[in-house]
Amino acid sequence: MLQALQAETLKLKRKWFWFLVFLGPFGVIALQVVNYGVRYDWIMRTYPDQWGRLISFTNLFVSPALLLGMAILASQLATLEHKQGSWKQILALPVRRRDVFVAKFLVIAGMISVSSFLLFIGTILLGAGLGFGWDAPVLAIAENSFYPMLAGLPILALQVWLSIIKQNQSGPLSIGIFGAVFSMYSYEVPNWVIWKWPLLFPDKDPFPYVAMGILVGVLVLVLGVIDFQRRDIA
């Protein structure tokens, strides 16, 4: 596993991977800068809970940015092998197929974690810059930054799975884009739809979504590993 992780980590030296990692949280925070820049006075008059409202506004865009980032990162990481035709060489090495699959999942999960941390820091800085002070509800901001990632683990596992087994990345990317857009309008869909889980609801306990995300994420990861072990990847 360590050898597979090292190999995947070396690929991250390509600068555009980290550009995508920074782009997601930067975009979410930038949208709130515009939002407050246009409606600052009205928001301040209408919503007395300044930090709570900022978290709610931010949450609207966390889910689509997160799911889109998962799809793009998974696709780009798998594309390196598909374009170079190096799957056979990789799988011929003394490394388990399981380790190759799981390593890709863990590396992308790590990059998404960095994005979540940047969103956490960015939310605090934005609130302070808007005049809310430095007494930020750190726990609530952390939940808003990291819980969607944990709730979205099944989607990450699915995107990694599809990106690895499909040489043409239009399919996995289309599913990722559709899921990102769909998540913004998923309030009324059944709770079992996994694309709904990262969209945390301020008036509900997010823990069930997070717990189900972790459990189902592990299940999808295991199914992906089993399928990958049986496939002949060109």
Protein backbone atom coordinates (compact mmCIF):
# COMPACT_ATOMS: atom_id res chain seq x y z
CA MET A 1 0.00 0.00 0.00
CA LEU A 2 2.81 2.41 0.88
CA GLN A 3 4.42 1.88 -2.52
CA ALA A 4 1.13 2.59 -4.29
CA LEU A 5 0.55 5.72 -2.21
CA GLN A 6 4.03 7.01 -2.99
CA ALA A 7 3.45 6.47 -6.70
CA GLU A 8 0.15 8.35 -6.62
CA THR A 9 1.62 11.16 -4.52
CA LEU A 10 4.38 11.73 -7.07
CA LYS A 11 1.73 12.53 -9.66
CA LEU A 12 0.55 15.43 -7.51
CA LYS A 13 3.66 17.39 -8.46
CA ARG A 14 1.70 18.46 -11.52
CA LYS A 15 0.68 21.99 -10.58
CA TRP A 16 -2.82 21.84 -12.02
CA PHE A 17 -3.87 19.26 -9.42
CA TRP A 18 -3.24 21.76 -6.67
CA PHE A 19 -4.85 24.52 -8.71
CA LEU A 20 -8.07 22.50 -8.62
CA VAL A 21 -7.68 21.93 -4.88
CA PHE A 22 -7.47 25.69 -4.27
CA LEU A 23 -10.08 26.62 -6.87
CA GLY A 24 -13.03 24.99 -5.09
CA PRO A 25 -12.87 26.77 -1.71
CA PHE A 26 -11.70 30.00 -3.34
CA GLY A 27 -14.73 29.95 -5.63
CA VAL A 28 -17.15 29.32 -2.76
CA ILE A 29 -15.69 32.16 -0.68
CA ALA A 30 -15.54 34.48 -3.71
CA LEU A 31 -19.26 33.95 -4.33
CA GLN A 32 -19.98 35.03 -0.76
CA VAL A 33 -17.78 38.10 -1.19
CA VAL A 34 -19.97 39.07 -4.14
CA ASN A 35 -23.15 38.14 -2.24
CA TYR A 36 -22.30 40.33 0.74
CA GLY A 37 -20.88 43.05 -1.46
CA VAL A 38 -24.22 43.41 -3.22
CA ARG A 39 -26.61 42.77 -0.32
CA TYR A 40 -24.60 43.61 2.81
CA ASP A 41 -27.01 46.13 4.35
CA TRP A 42 -30.08 43.99 3.66
CA ILE A 43 -28.45 40.84 5.07
CA MET A 44 -27.34 42.66 8.22
CA ARG A 45 -30.86 44.02 8.81
CA THR A 46 -32.67 40.78 8.04
CA TYR A 47 -30.50 38.19 9.78
CA PRO A 48 -29.31 38.98 13.32
CA ASP A 49 -27.21 35.80 13.52
CA GLN A 50 -24.38 37.01 11.32
CA TRP A 51 -22.12 33.96 11.54
CA GLY A 52 -25.03 31.54 11.23
CA ARG A 53 -26.25 33.22 8.07
CA LEU A 54 -22.76 33.23 6.55
CA ILE A 55 -22.46 29.50 7.21
CA SER A 56 -25.88 28.88 5.63
CA PHE A 57 -25.04 30.94 2.55
CA THR A 58 -21.72 29.14 2.19
CA ASN A 59 -23.33 25.73 2.58
CA LEU A 60 -25.45 26.29 -0.53
CA PHE A 61 -22.34 26.12 -2.71
CA VAL A 62 -20.19 23.65 -0.78
CA SER A 63 -21.99 20.56 -2.09
CA PRO A 64 -21.82 21.30 -5.84
CA ALA A 65 -18.21 22.52 -5.58
CA LEU A 66 -17.27 19.41 -3.61
CA LEU A 67 -18.92 16.93 -5.97
CA LEU A 68 -17.54 18.65 -9.05
CA GLY A 69 -14.07 18.63 -7.53
CA MET A 70 -14.32 14.92 -6.74
CA ALA A 71 -15.32 14.12 -10.32
CA ILE A 72 -12.57 16.23 -11.91
CA LEU A 73 -9.78 15.05 -9.62
CA ALA A 74 -10.74 11.38 -9.99
CA SER A 75 -10.95 11.72 -13.75
CA GLN A 76 -7.67 13.59 -14.11
CA LEU A 77 -5.76 11.17 -11.89
CA ALA A 78 -7.04 8.14 -13.80
CA THR A 79 -6.49 9.85 -17.16
CA LEU A 80 -2.73 9.82 -16.59
CA GLU A 81 -2.75 6.03 -16.90
CA HIS A 82 -5.34 5.91 -19.66
CA LYS A 83 -3.50 8.39 -21.92
CA GLN A 84 -0.10 6.82 -21.39
CA GLY A 85 -1.46 3.29 -21.70
CA SER A 86 0.41 2.39 -18.54
CA TRP A 87 -2.20 0.27 -16.76
CA LYS A 88 -0.62 -3.01 -17.84
CA GLN A 89 2.82 -1.87 -16.67
CA ILE A 90 1.44 -0.72 -13.32
CA LEU A 91 -0.53 -3.90 -12.73
CA ALA A 92 2.50 -6.00 -13.70
CA LEU A 93 4.46 -4.54 -10.79
CA PRO A 94 4.61 -6.39 -7.45
CA VAL A 95 1.72 -4.35 -6.05
CA ARG A 96 -1.81 -5.50 -5.37
CA ARG A 97 -4.62 -4.20 -7.53
CA ARG A 98 -6.48 -3.41 -4.35
CA ASP A 99 -3.67 -1.14 -3.22
CA VAL A 100 -3.66 0.74 -6.54
CA PHE A 101 -7.40 1.42 -6.31
CA VAL A 102 -7.41 2.36 -2.63
CA ALA A 103 -4.33 4.57 -3.06
CA LYS A 104 -6.11 6.65 -5.70
CA PHE A 105 -9.11 7.00 -3.40
CA LEU A 106 -6.98 8.04 -0.43
CA VAL A 107 -4.93 10.55 -2.40
CA ILE A 108 -8.05 12.26 -3.77
CA ALA A 109 -9.66 12.18 -0.31
CA GLY A 110 -6.53 13.87 1.01
CA MET A 111 -6.76 16.62 -1.61
CA ILE A 112 -10.44 17.15 -0.82
CA SER A 113 -9.51 17.38 2.88
CA VAL A 114 -7.07 20.18 2.03
CA SER A 115 -9.86 21.97 0.15
CA SER A 116 -12.15 21.56 3.17
CA PHE A 117 -9.49 23.01 5.46
CA LEU A 118 -9.02 25.98 3.13
CA LEU A 119 -12.78 26.53 3.16
CA PHE A 120 -12.71 26.46 6.97
CA ILE A 121 -9.97 29.09 7.12
CA GLY A 122 -11.56 31.14 4.34
CA THR A 123 -14.94 31.26 6.09
CA ILE A 124 -13.38 32.58 9.29
CA LEU A 125 -11.34 35.19 7.43
CA LEU A 126 -14.35 36.28 5.41
CA GLY A 127 -16.49 36.66 8.52
CA ALA A 128 -13.79 38.69 10.24
CA GLY A 129 -13.38 40.82 7.12
CA LEU A 130 -17.12 41.49 7.04
CA GLY A 131 -16.93 42.88 10.57
CA PHE A 132 -18.32 39.89 12.48
CA GLY A 133 -15.29 39.80 14.77
CA TRP A 134 -12.95 36.94 15.55
CA ASP A 135 -15.30 35.18 17.96
CA ALA A 136 -16.34 32.72 15.27
CA PRO A 137 -18.38 29.55 15.93
CA VAL A 138 -15.41 27.36 15.07
CA LEU A 139 -17.23 24.04 15.56
CA ALA A 140 -20.13 25.03 13.29
CA ILE A 141 -17.74 26.27 10.61
CA ALA A 142 -15.70 23.07 10.86
CA GLU A 143 -18.87 20.98 10.47
CA ASN A 144 -19.88 23.01 7.43
CA SER A 145 -16.42 22.56 5.93
CA PHE A 146 -15.69 18.88 6.65
CA TYR A 147 -19.04 17.12 7.09
CA PRO A 148 -20.01 17.45 3.39
CA MET A 149 -16.76 15.71 2.44
CA LEU A 150 -17.48 12.81 4.80
CA ALA A 151 -21.09 12.58 3.63
CA GLY A 152 -19.86 12.56 0.03
CA LEU A 153 -17.43 9.64 0.38
CA PRO A 154 -19.76 7.23 -1.52
CA ILE A 155 -19.71 9.63 -4.46
CA LEU A 156 -15.93 9.91 -4.31
CA ALA A 157 -15.59 6.12 -4.31
CA LEU A 158 -18.02 5.89 -7.24
CA GLN A 159 -16.17 8.54 -9.24
CA VAL A 160 -12.82 6.82 -8.67
CA TRP A 161 -14.36 3.50 -9.70
CA LEU A 162 -15.89 4.86 -12.91
CA SER A 163 -12.80 6.89 -13.82
CA ILE A 164 -10.54 3.85 -13.54
CA ILE A 165 -12.66 1.40 -15.53
CA LYS A 166 -13.70 3.86 -18.28
CA GLN A 167 -11.02 4.90 -20.73
CA ASN A 168 -13.34 7.57 -22.15
CA GLN A 169 -13.78 10.04 -19.30
CA SER A 170 -16.85 11.76 -20.75
CA GLY A 171 -19.12 9.34 -18.89
CA PRO A 172 -17.63 9.73 -15.39
CA LEU A 173 -17.35 13.51 -15.84
CA SER A 174 -20.95 13.78 -17.05
CA ILE A 175 -22.15 11.86 -14.00
CA GLY A 176 -20.06 14.11 -11.77
CA ILE A 177 -21.37 17.32 -13.33
CA PHE A 178 -24.96 16.08 -13.19
CA GLY A 179 -24.52 15.09 -9.54
CA ALA A 180 -23.08 18.50 -8.65
CA VAL A 181 -26.01 20.33 -10.24
CA PHE A 182 -28.56 17.85 -8.91
CA SER A 183 -27.29 18.24 -5.34
CA MET A 184 -28.30 21.92 -5.32
CA TYR A 185 -31.95 20.97 -5.90
CA SER A 186 -32.13 17.77 -3.90
CA TYR A 187 -34.09 19.02 -0.89
CA GLU A 188 -37.22 17.08 -1.82
CA VAL A 189 -35.64 13.86 -3.08
CA PRO A 190 -35.64 10.72 -0.89
CA ASN A 191 -32.98 10.54 1.81
CA TRP A 192 -31.41 7.41 0.30
CA VAL A 193 -30.13 9.38 -2.72
CA ILE A 194 -26.40 9.74 -2.02
CA TRP A 195 -26.09 13.03 -3.94
CA LYS A 196 -28.33 14.60 -1.30
CA TRP A 197 -26.12 13.74 1.65
CA PRO A 198 -23.39 16.41 1.24
CA LEU A 199 -26.09 19.11 1.22
CA LEU A 200 -26.31 19.49 4.98
CA PHE A 201 -29.53 20.94 6.31
CA PRO A 202 -29.18 23.71 8.94
CA ASP A 203 -32.40 22.66 10.67
CA LYS A 204 -31.53 18.96 10.86
CA ASP A 205 -28.91 16.83 12.58
CA PRO A 206 -26.17 16.25 9.98
CA PHE A 207 -24.65 13.28 11.79
CA PRO A 208 -26.87 10.60 10.12
CA TYR A 209 -25.76 11.86 6.69
CA VAL A 210 -22.12 11.78 7.78
CA ALA A 211 -22.39 8.31 9.32
CA MET A 212 -24.16 6.91 6.27
CA GLY A 213 -21.60 8.61 4.04
CA ILE A 214 -18.73 6.86 5.78
CA LEU A 215 -20.44 3.44 5.87
CA VAL A 216 -21.72 3.51 2.30
CA GLY A 217 -18.44 5.03 1.14
CA VAL A 218 -16.54 2.03 2.49
CA LEU A 219 -19.09 -0.31 0.86
CA VAL A 220 -18.77 1.35 -2.56
CA LEU A 221 -14.98 1.34 -2.20
CA VAL A 222 -15.00 -2.41 -1.49
CA LEU A 223 -17.29 -3.08 -4.46
CA GLY A 224 -15.02 -0.99 -6.67
CA VAL A 225 -11.95 -2.90 -5.53
CA ILE A 226 -13.64 -6.26 -6.20
CA ASP A 227 -14.68 -5.15 -9.68
CA PHE A 228 -11.22 -3.71 -10.44
CA GLN A 229 -9.53 -6.95 -9.41
CA ARG A 230 -11.66 -8.92 -11.88
CA ARG A 231 -11.39 -6.55 -14.84
CA ASP A 232 -8.88 -6.56 -17.65
CA ILE A 233 -7.85 -2.90 -17.71
CA ALA A 234 -6.12 -1.93 -20.96
